[in-house]
Protein backbone atom coordinates (compact mmCIF):
# COMPACT_ATOMS: atom_id res chain seq x y z
CA MET A 1 -0.06 0.01 0.09
CA SER A 2 1.24 3.38 -0.96
CA TYR A 3 1.17 6.57 1.21
CA ARG A 4 0.79 10.18 -0.03
CA ILE A 5 1.60 13.35 2.14
CA THR A 6 0.00 16.61 1.00
CA TYR A 7 1.24 19.98 2.46
CA VAL A 8 1.51 23.53 1.98
CA ASP A 9 5.04 25.00 1.66
CA THR A 10 5.49 28.60 2.20
CA SER A 11 9.47 28.76 2.01
CA LEU A 12 9.55 29.81 -1.73
CA ALA A 13 6.88 32.54 -1.40
CA PRO A 14 7.98 36.28 -0.81
CA ALA A 15 7.76 37.27 2.84
CA SER A 16 4.80 39.56 2.22
CA GLU A 17 2.91 36.46 0.79
CA GLN A 18 4.06 33.75 3.14
CA ALA A 19 0.85 33.44 5.08
CA PRO A 20 -1.59 32.02 4.21
CA GLY A 21 -0.34 31.28 0.65
CA GLY A 22 2.05 28.94 -0.44
CA ALA A 23 2.44 25.99 -2.90
CA ALA A 24 0.61 22.75 -2.26
CA ARG A 25 2.92 19.71 -2.78
CA THR A 26 2.41 16.01 -2.61
CA GLU A 27 5.01 13.27 -1.93
CA ASP A 28 4.26 9.44 -2.30
CA PHE A 29 6.05 6.83 -0.22
CA PRO A 30 6.00 3.05 -0.53
CA THR A 31 5.61 2.29 3.33
CA GLU A 32 3.94 3.87 6.21
CA PRO A 33 7.07 4.22 8.22
CA ALA A 34 8.69 6.28 5.36
CA ALA A 35 5.66 8.48 5.14
CA LEU A 36 5.51 9.13 8.86
CA ALA A 37 8.98 10.00 9.08
CA ARG A 38 8.53 12.57 6.32
CA ALA A 39 5.38 13.88 8.01
CA ARG A 40 7.31 14.44 11.23
CA GLU A 41 10.01 16.45 9.33
CA LEU A 42 7.25 18.63 7.79
CA LEU A 43 5.51 19.11 11.18
CA GLU A 44 8.71 20.47 12.50
CA ASP A 45 9.44 22.75 9.61
CA VAL A 46 8.14 26.30 10.08
CA HIS A 47 7.44 26.70 6.42
CA CYS A 48 5.13 23.81 6.12
CA HIS A 49 1.67 23.92 6.95
CA SER A 50 -1.63 21.81 6.76
CA VAL A 51 0.26 18.34 6.51
CA LEU A 52 -2.15 15.51 5.41
CA VAL A 53 -1.05 11.86 5.47
CA SER A 54 -3.33 9.51 3.39
CA ASP A 55 -3.22 5.75 2.69
CA GLY A 56 -3.52 3.81 -0.54
CA THR A 57 -7.26 4.37 -0.39
CA ARG A 58 -6.55 8.07 0.12
CA ALA A 59 -8.19 7.99 3.49
CA PRO A 60 -6.63 10.59 5.65
CA LEU A 61 -4.50 9.68 8.79
CA GLY A 62 -4.89 12.42 11.24
CA GLY A 63 -5.71 13.58 14.70
CA VAL A 64 -4.23 11.99 17.86
CA CYS A 65 -3.40 8.67 16.12
CA LEU A 66 -1.16 10.65 13.68
CA GLN A 67 0.46 12.48 16.38
CA LEU A 68 1.13 9.25 18.32
CA LYS A 69 2.58 7.65 15.03
CA VAL A 70 5.00 10.34 14.39
CA GLY A 71 6.09 10.55 17.98
CA LEU A 72 4.80 14.23 18.53
CA ALA A 73 2.50 13.04 21.60
CA ASP A 74 5.54 12.47 23.87
CA GLU A 75 6.77 16.09 23.54
């Protein structure tokens, strides 16, 4: 099953346009651990907003379950 991450990246936008605009990007991963590792990186990046992880059926993984899976609930 493949996993997809969709997020908004504002790092390339001019400072005057950084919020709430930005470029929507998607990345695909072959495994859940790889997708979750990337999701954690994006959640820690100040330029990335609205991080969405979805599985092969495009059902979103989110909320507390996602926070636990990427290790953010421990902080």
